[in-house]
Structures are given as C-alpha cells and as structure tokens.
Amino acid sequence: MAAESPTETADVTVGEGAEGFPHASHSPLAVGVGLGLLGVGILGHYIVLGLGILVFGYGTLNWAREYAIVDYARGVIPEQKSYRLLGHQSGIVGIGLVIASEVVVFGSLFGTYFALDAHSGPWPPAGAPTPDLPLALVLTVVLVASGFTMHWAQTSMERGNRRNFWYGLVATVVLGLAFLAGQGYEYSHLIADGLTPQSSAFGSAFFSLTGTHGAHVIVGLVLILAIAVRAGIWGHFDEDRNLMIRTITTYWHFVDVVWLFIVAFVYLNLSA
C-alpha cells in the first residue's frame, strides 16, 4: 500500500501516521522516572540524585530529538502539534503556560525583595556597595535591542528570507552574550567590594533576583543556539514550519520585560 502524500493543515504538515505520535517512544517514561529519582535524590541521596539527572537528561534530550528532528525529517507532525487550544496552536499555548509559571517564580522573588526592603532598615544597607545604575541602563539597551533582532529573525523566516533570519539570530546571540558579560563584570566588582549573597539581606535578594534572570538569559541563548543548529545543520524551518522560532521569540521577549522590572525596582529603586 502506497504511503499517503502529506497534506497541509493550517501551517503544519500532517503525513501518514499523524494520529497522535507517529511512533512509540520510551522518552516520556524516562523523563517521569528521572523526575521521580530527582525528587528522592534531592532529600540527600546524592547517588540517586545523580542517577536522576542522567535519566531525566537522557529522556529530555531524546524526546526533543524525536520530536524536533526525526519527525520533522520524516515530514510527519503529530496531531499534538496541530491542535488548537483557545484559538492558538498548542505550542503557543504551551509557551504561554511556561511564561505564566515563570511569572510566579519572579513574582515570589520580587515579593521577597520588597518584603526585605520594608523590614530591613536602610535599603541598600548604609555603607554597602550599590548596583551600578549606568551599567544597568547600558545593559537595558543591549537586551531590548536583542528583542528587536530576535523579532527580526522570526519575521524574516516567516517571509522565507533565510539570510535576514541568520543576521537577526546571530545579532541576538551576540547581544545576549554581551548582556551576560556586563552582568558578570558588575558581579565581580560588587563581590570585590564586599557585596555577596551572604553579606546582607540586600545582597541575598539582589543576587537571587538578578542571578535568576541571568539564568533565564542563558536558557534563552541555549534555545536560540538549538534553533541555529536545526536551521544550519538540518535545514529546518521555513515560511510555514517555524513554531519553535515563534515560541522562543516569545520567551525572549519575556526575559526582556523581566529585566525592565528589575531595573525599575532594584536599580532605580522606584518602590522606595
């Protein structure tokens, strides 16, 4: 029996075997087992914790390979990718849920910062090194500019302009790395001057908030590099198939917005 020719549904390709996942996969089981081991290991069982990291990492990476590389190369997109929830592709709804969870994370960090500010006397403490506002403003320009370049990369791919897509993607990575370098420079000077996570409540709150944001910038850059690998090595993405680019662009904009709040309330101290 000849294979069905793929048909176009919305902006994704659906081929033979597209009812659910086109193949059996043990990766979700590995992810679940890994999370269970992590939960046990974090209680102090370090051998179990290490095993959990390995199993979870294997499951996650293999699942990503199956979903983003193997299925793409076969021209088969599972129905899960073409489902529409709340009028949007499930992938867009998924990144929205991820961002919602991140809002909770950063909301708790900002709440802690404000609570400590209200109950810790002078904020920052008298005589303590203070964050570098001029540098923060420069980094703001850098990070906001990276949001524009990432959007340029996305819209270029949606128009089929791969050259401009690469310009935007490379510019985003360079600007993201410049931001991290600037943040590392500030950290090194603050620590040398005596402000550390252990030195005071302000130091703990400052490094927790800005460090968590910096970690999200790193995650964003890793995801952008994953886009580059898929596009450069396997030739993935075109005008119709670019969901990963759109979701990561949305994530990157969220990282930008969080930084604006950090500048407003930590560096400019608008909550005072």
C-alpha atoms as a PDB file:
ATOM      1  CA  MET A   1       0.000   0.000   0.000  1.00  0.00           C
ATOM      2  CA  ALA A   2       1.477   3.288  -1.059  1.00  0.00           C
ATOM      3  CA  ALA A   3       2.083   5.864   1.623  1.00  0.00           C
ATOM      4  CA  GLU A   4      -0.285   8.798   1.756  1.00  0.00           C
ATOM      5  CA  SER A   5       1.068  12.040   0.486  1.00  0.00           C
ATOM      6  CA  PRO A   6       1.342  14.655   3.227  1.00  0.00           C
ATOM      7  CA  THR A   7      -1.454  17.183   3.387  1.00  0.00           C
ATOM      8  CA  GLU A   8      -1.332  20.725   4.662  1.00  0.00           C
ATOM      9  CA  THR A   9      -3.284  21.567   7.812  1.00  0.00           C
ATOM     10  CA  ALA A  10      -3.085  25.181   8.986  1.00  0.00           C
ATOM     11  CA  ASP A  11       0.641  25.892   8.971  1.00  0.00           C
ATOM     12  CA  VAL A  12       1.943  22.409   9.725  1.00  0.00           C
ATOM     13  CA  THR A  13       2.397  19.329   7.581  1.00  0.00           C
ATOM     14  CA  VAL A  14       0.445  16.226   8.535  1.00  0.00           C
ATOM     15  CA  GLY A  15       1.513  12.962   6.946  1.00  0.00           C
ATOM     16  CA  GLU A  16       0.820   9.275   7.357  1.00  0.00           C
ATOM     17  CA  GLY A  17       0.610   8.142  10.953  1.00  0.00           C
ATOM     18  CA  ALA A  18      -0.280  11.592  12.206  1.00  0.00           C
ATOM     19  CA  GLU A  19      -2.986  10.390  14.569  1.00  0.00           C
ATOM     20  CA  GLY A  20      -1.154  11.139  17.826  1.00  0.00           C
ATOM     21  CA  PHE A  21       2.540  10.354  17.891  1.00  0.00           C
ATOM     22  CA  PRO A  22       3.730   8.646  14.682  1.00  0.00           C
ATOM     23  CA  HIS A  23       5.889   6.225  16.676  1.00  0.00           C
ATOM     24  CA  ALA A  24       6.109   4.639  20.109  1.00  0.00           C
ATOM     25  CA  SER A  25       8.522   6.413  22.438  1.00  0.00           C
ATOM     26  CA  HIS A  26      10.027   5.484  25.778  1.00  0.00           C
ATOM     27  CA  SER A  27      11.276   9.045  26.336  1.00  0.00           C
ATOM     28  CA  PRO A  28       8.250  10.250  28.367  1.00  0.00           C
ATOM     29  CA  LEU A  29       8.718   7.259  30.699  1.00  0.00           C
ATOM     30  CA  ALA A  30      12.412   8.139  31.106  1.00  0.00           C
ATOM     31  CA  VAL A  31      11.502  11.740  31.930  1.00  0.00           C
ATOM     32  CA  GLY A  32       8.970  10.578  34.526  1.00  0.00           C
ATOM     33  CA  VAL A  33      11.376   8.116  36.130  1.00  0.00           C
ATOM     34  CA  GLY A  34      14.106  10.756  36.137  1.00  0.00           C
ATOM     35  CA  LEU A  35      11.848  13.267  37.896  1.00  0.00           C
ATOM     36  CA  GLY A  36      10.965  10.650  40.496  1.00  0.00           C
ATOM     37  CA  LEU A  37      14.633   9.922  41.136  1.00  0.00           C
ATOM     38  CA  LEU A  38      15.355  13.649  41.381  1.00  0.00           C
ATOM     39  CA  GLY A  39      12.617  14.019  43.973  1.00  0.00           C
ATOM     40  CA  VAL A  40      14.170  11.284  46.097  1.00  0.00           C
ATOM     41  CA  GLY A  41      17.749  12.376  45.485  1.00  0.00           C
ATOM     42  CA  ILE A  42      17.178  15.998  46.469  1.00  0.00           C
ATOM     43  CA  LEU A  43      16.386  14.774  50.003  1.00  0.00           C
ATOM     44  CA  GLY A  44      20.077  13.956  50.405  1.00  0.00           C
ATOM     45  CA  HIS A  45      20.562  10.727  48.474  1.00  0.00           C
ATOM     46  CA  TYR A  46      23.237  12.019  46.150  1.00  0.00           C
ATOM     47  CA  ILE A  47      23.792   8.819  44.172  1.00  0.00           C
ATOM     48  CA  VAL A  48      20.065   8.726  43.398  1.00  0.00           C
ATOM     49  CA  LEU A  49      20.193  12.443  42.557  1.00  0.00           C
ATOM     50  CA  GLY A  50      22.997  11.867  40.063  1.00  0.00           C
ATOM     51  CA  LEU A  51      21.142   8.954  38.521  1.00  0.00           C
ATOM     52  CA  GLY A  52      18.016  11.092  38.289  1.00  0.00           C
ATOM     53  CA  ILE A  53      19.909  13.832  36.471  1.00  0.00           C
ATOM     54  CA  LEU A  54      21.238  11.306  33.952  1.00  0.00           C
ATOM     55  CA  VAL A  55      17.885   9.599  33.343  1.00  0.00           C
ATOM     56  CA  PHE A  56      15.962  12.873  33.150  1.00  0.00           C
ATOM     57  CA  GLY A  57      18.588  14.390  30.839  1.00  0.00           C
ATOM     58  CA  TYR A  58      18.535  11.358  28.556  1.00  0.00           C
ATOM     59  CA  GLY A  59      14.747  11.319  28.377  1.00  0.00           C
ATOM     60  CA  THR A  60      14.503  15.050  27.713  1.00  0.00           C
ATOM     61  CA  LEU A  61      17.192  15.135  25.025  1.00  0.00           C
ATOM     62  CA  ASN A  62      15.930  12.008  23.289  1.00  0.00           C
ATOM     63  CA  TRP A  63      12.353  13.285  23.359  1.00  0.00           C
ATOM     64  CA  ALA A  64      13.500  16.563  21.850  1.00  0.00           C
ATOM     65  CA  ARG A  65      15.424  14.666  19.170  1.00  0.00           C
ATOM     66  CA  GLU A  66      12.399  12.558  18.268  1.00  0.00           C
ATOM     67  CA  TYR A  67      10.001  15.468  18.291  1.00  0.00           C
ATOM     68  CA  ALA A  68      12.047  18.197  16.627  1.00  0.00           C
ATOM     69  CA  ILE A  69      14.454  16.305  14.358  1.00  0.00           C
ATOM     70  CA  VAL A  70      13.249  12.814  13.471  1.00  0.00           C
ATOM     71  CA  ASP A  71       9.576  13.704  12.970  1.00  0.00           C
ATOM     72  CA  TYR A  72      10.489  16.865  11.091  1.00  0.00           C
ATOM     73  CA  ALA A  73      12.751  14.953   8.712  1.00  0.00           C
ATOM     74  CA  ARG A  74      10.003  12.385   8.058  1.00  0.00           C
ATOM     75  CA  GLY A  75       7.529  15.142   7.235  1.00  0.00           C
ATOM     76  CA  VAL A  76       5.249  13.844   9.976  1.00  0.00           C
ATOM     77  CA  ILE A  77       3.850  16.240  12.546  1.00  0.00           C
ATOM     78  CA  PRO A  78       1.878  14.665  15.405  1.00  0.00           C
ATOM     79  CA  GLU A  79      -1.671  15.861  15.945  1.00  0.00           C
ATOM     80  CA  GLN A  80      -0.459  17.349  19.220  1.00  0.00           C
ATOM     81  CA  LYS A  81       1.385  19.968  17.194  1.00  0.00           C
ATOM     82  CA  SER A  82      -1.639  20.983  15.162  1.00  0.00           C
ATOM     83  CA  TYR A  83      -4.210  21.027  17.948  1.00  0.00           C
ATOM     84  CA  ARG A  84      -5.681  24.462  18.540  1.00  0.00           C
ATOM     85  CA  LEU A  85      -6.350  25.497  22.124  1.00  0.00           C
ATOM     86  CA  LEU A  86      -8.033  28.801  22.876  1.00  0.00           C
ATOM     87  CA  GLY A  87      -7.703  29.651  19.192  1.00  0.00           C
ATOM     88  CA  HIS A  88      -3.934  29.123  19.079  1.00  0.00           C
ATOM     89  CA  GLN A  89      -1.529  26.296  18.245  1.00  0.00           C
ATOM     90  CA  SER A  90      -0.835  24.104  21.238  1.00  0.00           C
ATOM     91  CA  GLY A  91       2.829  25.142  21.130  1.00  0.00           C
ATOM     92  CA  ILE A  92       1.899  28.795  21.566  1.00  0.00           C
ATOM     93  CA  VAL A  93      -0.425  27.928  24.444  1.00  0.00           C
ATOM     94  CA  GLY A  94       2.393  25.825  25.910  1.00  0.00           C
ATOM     95  CA  ILE A  95       4.882  28.682  25.951  1.00  0.00           C
ATOM     96  CA  GLY A  96       2.187  30.860  27.463  1.00  0.00           C
ATOM     97  CA  LEU A  97       1.849  28.377  30.329  1.00  0.00           C
ATOM     98  CA  VAL A  98       5.624  28.294  30.739  1.00  0.00           C
ATOM     99  CA  ILE A  99       5.718  32.082  30.984  1.00  0.00           C
ATOM    100  CA  ALA A 100       2.810  32.038  33.453  1.00  0.00           C
ATOM    101  CA  SER A 101       4.812  29.708  35.704  1.00  0.00           C
ATOM    102  CA  GLU A 102       7.852  31.967  35.355  1.00  0.00           C
ATOM    103  CA  VAL A 103       5.735  34.963  36.377  1.00  0.00           C
ATOM    104  CA  VAL A 104       5.025  33.103  39.619  1.00  0.00           C
ATOM    105  CA  VAL A 105       8.755  32.469  40.130  1.00  0.00           C
ATOM    106  CA  PHE A 106       9.762  36.070  39.553  1.00  0.00           C
ATOM    107  CA  GLY A 107       6.726  37.319  41.458  1.00  0.00           C
ATOM    108  CA  SER A 108       7.944  35.447  44.536  1.00  0.00           C
ATOM    109  CA  LEU A 109      11.446  36.859  44.103  1.00  0.00           C
ATOM    110  CA  PHE A 110      10.169  40.416  43.734  1.00  0.00           C
ATOM    111  CA  GLY A 111       7.835  39.870  46.697  1.00  0.00           C
ATOM    112  CA  THR A 112      10.767  38.737  48.822  1.00  0.00           C
ATOM    113  CA  TYR A 113      12.799  41.730  47.689  1.00  0.00           C
ATOM    114  CA  PHE A 114      10.005  44.164  48.606  1.00  0.00           C
ATOM    115  CA  ALA A 115       9.378  42.462  51.970  1.00  0.00           C
ATOM    116  CA  LEU A 116      13.038  42.667  52.913  1.00  0.00           C
ATOM    117  CA  ASP A 117      13.122  46.278  51.765  1.00  0.00           C
ATOM    118  CA  ALA A 118      10.208  47.092  54.061  1.00  0.00           C
ATOM    119  CA  HIS A 119      11.635  45.377  57.151  1.00  0.00           C
ATOM    120  CA  SER A 120      15.419  45.756  56.885  1.00  0.00           C
ATOM    121  CA  GLY A 121      16.069  49.420  57.617  1.00  0.00           C
ATOM    122  CA  PRO A 122      18.144  51.335  55.048  1.00  0.00           C
ATOM    123  CA  TRP A 123      17.946  49.657  51.633  1.00  0.00           C
ATOM    124  CA  PRO A 124      20.619  49.056  50.433  1.00  0.00           C
ATOM    125  CA  PRO A 125      22.330  48.995  53.846  1.00  0.00           C
ATOM    126  CA  ALA A 126      24.380  52.068  54.701  1.00  0.00           C
ATOM    127  CA  GLY A 127      27.947  51.701  53.502  1.00  0.00           C
ATOM    128  CA  ALA A 128      27.213  48.673  51.329  1.00  0.00           C
ATOM    129  CA  PRO A 129      28.229  48.662  47.657  1.00  0.00           C
ATOM    130  CA  THR A 130      25.307  49.591  45.413  1.00  0.00           C
ATOM    131  CA  PRO A 131      24.389  48.200  41.984  1.00  0.00           C
ATOM    132  CA  ASP A 132      25.829  50.047  39.007  1.00  0.00           C
ATOM    133  CA  LEU A 133      22.922  52.056  37.541  1.00  0.00           C
ATOM    134  CA  PRO A 134      24.773  53.439  34.469  1.00  0.00           C
ATOM    135  CA  LEU A 135      25.895  49.925  33.546  1.00  0.00           C
ATOM    136  CA  ALA A 136      22.365  48.608  34.097  1.00  0.00           C
ATOM    137  CA  LEU A 137      20.992  51.220  31.693  1.00  0.00           C
ATOM    138  CA  VAL A 138      23.555  50.201  29.060  1.00  0.00           C
ATOM    139  CA  LEU A 139      22.615  46.548  29.547  1.00  0.00           C
ATOM    140  CA  THR A 140      18.967  47.520  29.191  1.00  0.00           C
ATOM    141  CA  VAL A 141      19.665  48.974  25.762  1.00  0.00           C
ATOM    142  CA  VAL A 142      21.587  45.819  24.837  1.00  0.00           C
ATOM    143  CA  LEU A 143      18.851  43.429  25.960  1.00  0.00           C
ATOM    144  CA  VAL A 144      15.978  45.420  24.455  1.00  0.00           C
ATOM    145  CA  ALA A 145      17.913  45.603  21.172  1.00  0.00           C
ATOM    146  CA  SER A 146      18.242  41.803  21.274  1.00  0.00           C
ATOM    147  CA  GLY A 147      14.453  41.602  21.467  1.00  0.00           C
ATOM    148  CA  PHE A 148      14.185  43.541  18.227  1.00  0.00           C
ATOM    149  CA  THR A 149      16.808  41.392  16.498  1.00  0.00           C
ATOM    150  CA  MET A 150      15.074  38.178  17.618  1.00  0.00           C
ATOM    151  CA  HIS A 151      11.779  39.514  16.281  1.00  0.00           C
ATOM    152  CA  TRP A 152      13.571  40.353  13.029  1.00  0.00           C
ATOM    153  CA  ALA A 153      14.839  36.776  12.810  1.00  0.00           C
ATOM    154  CA  GLN A 154      11.323  35.421  13.359  1.00  0.00           C
ATOM    155  CA  THR A 155       9.590  37.640  10.817  1.00  0.00           C
ATOM    156  CA  SER A 156      12.364  37.043   8.286  1.00  0.00           C
ATOM    157  CA  MET A 157      11.840  33.281   8.481  1.00  0.00           C
ATOM    158  CA  GLU A 158       8.079  33.753   8.197  1.00  0.00           C
ATOM    159  CA  ARG A 159       8.733  35.625   4.937  1.00  0.00           C
ATOM    160  CA  GLY A 160      11.184  32.988   3.711  1.00  0.00           C
ATOM    161  CA  ASN A 161      14.199  35.305   3.998  1.00  0.00           C
ATOM    162  CA  ARG A 162      16.817  32.987   5.498  1.00  0.00           C
ATOM    163  CA  ARG A 163      19.667  35.481   5.106  1.00  0.00           C
ATOM    164  CA  ASN A 164      17.994  38.081   7.319  1.00  0.00           C
ATOM    165  CA  PHE A 165      16.915  35.308   9.666  1.00  0.00           C
ATOM    166  CA  TRP A 166      20.571  34.463  10.225  1.00  0.00           C
ATOM    167  CA  TYR A 167      21.516  38.120  10.647  1.00  0.00           C
ATOM    168  CA  GLY A 168      18.869  38.525  13.331  1.00  0.00           C
ATOM    169  CA  LEU A 169      19.725  35.276  15.081  1.00  0.00           C
ATOM    170  CA  VAL A 170      23.468  35.967  15.217  1.00  0.00           C
ATOM    171  CA  ALA A 171      22.869  39.526  16.404  1.00  0.00           C
ATOM    172  CA  THR A 172      20.617  38.221  19.174  1.00  0.00           C
ATOM    173  CA  VAL A 173      23.247  35.768  20.391  1.00  0.00           C
ATOM    174  CA  VAL A 174      25.964  38.448  20.349  1.00  0.00           C
ATOM    175  CA  LEU A 175      23.787  40.898  22.270  1.00  0.00           C
ATOM    176  CA  GLY A 176      22.740  38.217  24.758  1.00  0.00           C
ATOM    177  CA  LEU A 177      26.356  37.280  25.414  1.00  0.00           C
ATOM    178  CA  ALA A 178      27.232  40.978  25.790  1.00  0.00           C
ATOM    179  CA  PHE A 179      24.493  41.303  28.416  1.00  0.00           C
ATOM    180  CA  LEU A 180      25.836  38.322  30.359  1.00  0.00           C
ATOM    181  CA  ALA A 181      29.378  39.686  30.136  1.00  0.00           C
ATOM    182  CA  GLY A 182      28.182  43.018  31.520  1.00  0.00           C
ATOM    183  CA  GLN A 183      26.340  41.313  34.348  1.00  0.00           C
ATOM    184  CA  GLY A 184      29.422  39.236  35.144  1.00  0.00           C
ATOM    185  CA  TYR A 185      31.510  42.417  35.201  1.00  0.00           C
ATOM    186  CA  GLU A 186      29.118  44.030  37.672  1.00  0.00           C
ATOM    187  CA  TYR A 187      29.058  40.920  39.856  1.00  0.00           C
ATOM    188  CA  SER A 188      32.839  40.775  40.018  1.00  0.00           C
ATOM    189  CA  HIS A 189      33.093  44.394  41.187  1.00  0.00           C
ATOM    190  CA  LEU A 190      30.274  44.107  43.734  1.00  0.00           C
ATOM    191  CA  ILE A 191      31.762  40.949  45.216  1.00  0.00           C
ATOM    192  CA  ALA A 192      35.231  42.507  45.330  1.00  0.00           C
ATOM    193  CA  ASP A 193      33.725  45.475  47.201  1.00  0.00           C
ATOM    194  CA  GLY A 194      32.083  43.193  49.748  1.00  0.00           C
ATOM    195  CA  LEU A 195      28.521  42.658  48.488  1.00  0.00           C
ATOM    196  CA  THR A 196      27.826  38.920  48.324  1.00  0.00           C
ATOM    197  CA  PRO A 197      24.732  36.738  48.742  1.00  0.00           C
ATOM    198  CA  GLN A 198      25.897  36.089  52.322  1.00  0.00           C
ATOM    199  CA  SER A 199      26.844  39.655  53.264  1.00  0.00           C
ATOM    200  CA  SER A 200      23.351  41.007  53.917  1.00  0.00           C
ATOM    201  CA  ALA A 201      19.665  40.588  53.173  1.00  0.00           C
ATOM    202  CA  PHE A 202      20.095  43.068  50.326  1.00  0.00           C
ATOM    203  CA  GLY A 203      22.957  41.053  48.842  1.00  0.00           C
ATOM    204  CA  SER A 204      20.932  37.859  49.044  1.00  0.00           C
ATOM    205  CA  ALA A 205      17.865  39.438  47.430  1.00  0.00           C
ATOM    206  CA  PHE A 206      19.889  41.219  44.740  1.00  0.00           C
ATOM    207  CA  PHE A 207      21.873  38.189  43.620  1.00  0.00           C
ATOM    208  CA  SER A 208      18.845  35.896  43.800  1.00  0.00           C
ATOM    209  CA  LEU A 209      16.733  38.144  41.590  1.00  0.00           C
ATOM    210  CA  THR A 210      19.349  39.195  39.059  1.00  0.00           C
ATOM    211  CA  GLY A 211      21.003  35.769  39.057  1.00  0.00           C
ATOM    212  CA  THR A 212      17.719  34.013  38.310  1.00  0.00           C
ATOM    213  CA  HIS A 213      17.144  36.422  35.456  1.00  0.00           C
ATOM    214  CA  GLY A 214      20.659  35.814  34.165  1.00  0.00           C
ATOM    215  CA  ALA A 215      19.996  32.067  34.258  1.00  0.00           C
ATOM    216  CA  HIS A 216      16.922  32.644  32.089  1.00  0.00           C
ATOM    217  CA  VAL A 217      19.047  34.601  29.610  1.00  0.00           C
ATOM    218  CA  ILE A 218      21.409  31.624  29.431  1.00  0.00           C
ATOM    219  CA  VAL A 219      18.486  29.248  28.850  1.00  0.00           C
ATOM    220  CA  GLY A 220      17.208  31.543  26.112  1.00  0.00           C
ATOM    221  CA  LEU A 221      20.594  31.584  24.395  1.00  0.00           C
ATOM    222  CA  VAL A 222      20.805  27.777  24.545  1.00  0.00           C
ATOM    223  CA  LEU A 223      17.383  27.538  22.904  1.00  0.00           C
ATOM    224  CA  ILE A 224      18.372  30.067  20.254  1.00  0.00           C
ATOM    225  CA  LEU A 225      21.505  28.035  19.538  1.00  0.00           C
ATOM    226  CA  ALA A 226      19.273  24.960  19.206  1.00  0.00           C
ATOM    227  CA  ILE A 227      17.309  26.860  16.559  1.00  0.00           C
ATOM    228  CA  ALA A 228      20.585  27.698  14.811  1.00  0.00           C
ATOM    229  CA  VAL A 229      21.690  24.053  14.849  1.00  0.00           C
ATOM    230  CA  ARG A 230      18.374  22.863  13.439  1.00  0.00           C
ATOM    231  CA  ALA A 231      18.343  25.544  10.752  1.00  0.00           C
ATOM    232  CA  GLY A 232      22.016  25.314   9.877  1.00  0.00           C
ATOM    233  CA  ILE A 233      22.704  21.573  10.018  1.00  0.00           C
ATOM    234  CA  TRP A 234      19.352  20.039   9.099  1.00  0.00           C
ATOM    235  CA  GLY A 235      17.864  22.910   7.108  1.00  0.00           C
ATOM    236  CA  HIS A 236      14.768  23.080   9.289  1.00  0.00           C
ATOM    237  CA  PHE A 237      12.170  25.869   9.312  1.00  0.00           C
ATOM    238  CA  ASP A 238      10.509  27.764   6.501  1.00  0.00           C
ATOM    239  CA  GLU A 239       7.570  30.120   5.988  1.00  0.00           C
ATOM    240  CA  ASP A 240       5.079  27.518   7.255  1.00  0.00           C
ATOM    241  CA  ARG A 241       7.075  25.485   9.771  1.00  0.00           C
ATOM    242  CA  ASN A 242       8.625  27.808  12.341  1.00  0.00           C
ATOM    243  CA  LEU A 243       6.772  27.159  15.595  1.00  0.00           C
ATOM    244  CA  MET A 244       9.952  26.795  17.659  1.00  0.00           C
ATOM    245  CA  ILE A 245      11.215  30.162  16.444  1.00  0.00           C
ATOM    246  CA  ARG A 246       7.951  31.842  17.420  1.00  0.00           C
ATOM    247  CA  THR A 247       7.828  30.255  20.872  1.00  0.00           C
ATOM    248  CA  ILE A 248      11.445  31.058  21.712  1.00  0.00           C
ATOM    249  CA  THR A 249      10.981  34.624  20.479  1.00  0.00           C
ATOM    250  CA  THR A 250       8.056  34.961  22.887  1.00  0.00           C
ATOM    251  CA  TYR A 251      10.204  33.590  25.714  1.00  0.00           C
ATOM    252  CA  TRP A 252      13.000  36.031  24.868  1.00  0.00           C
ATOM    253  CA  HIS A 253      10.593  38.983  24.999  1.00  0.00           C
ATOM    254  CA  PHE A 254       9.500  37.814  28.442  1.00  0.00           C
ATOM    255  CA  VAL A 255      13.132  37.825  29.606  1.00  0.00           C
ATOM    256  CA  ASP A 256      13.438  41.403  28.324  1.00  0.00           C
ATOM    257  CA  VAL A 257      10.342  42.538  30.216  1.00  0.00           C
ATOM    258  CA  VAL A 258      11.556  40.983  33.485  1.00  0.00           C
ATOM    259  CA  TRP A 259      14.805  42.919  33.175  1.00  0.00           C
ATOM    260  CA  LEU A 260      12.879  46.196  32.797  1.00  0.00           C
ATOM    261  CA  PHE A 261      11.151  45.485  36.110  1.00  0.00           C
ATOM    262  CA  ILE A 262      14.499  44.691  37.730  1.00  0.00           C
ATOM    263  CA  VAL A 263      15.960  47.985  36.545  1.00  0.00           C
ATOM    264  CA  ALA A 264      12.898  49.883  37.745  1.00  0.00           C
ATOM    265  CA  PHE A 265      12.690  48.391  41.235  1.00  0.00           C
ATOM    266  CA  VAL A 266      16.261  47.320  42.018  1.00  0.00           C
ATOM    267  CA  TYR A 267      18.478  49.831  40.253  1.00  0.00           C
ATOM    268  CA  LEU A 268      16.153  52.864  40.173  1.00  0.00           C
ATOM    269  CA  ASN A 269      14.516  51.821  43.463  1.00  0.00           C
ATOM    270  CA  LEU A 270      11.081  53.043  42.362  1.00  0.00           C
ATOM    271  CA  SER A 271       9.454  51.100  45.185  1.00  0.00           C
ATOM    272  CA  ALA A 272      11.062  53.383  47.790  1.00  0.00           C
END
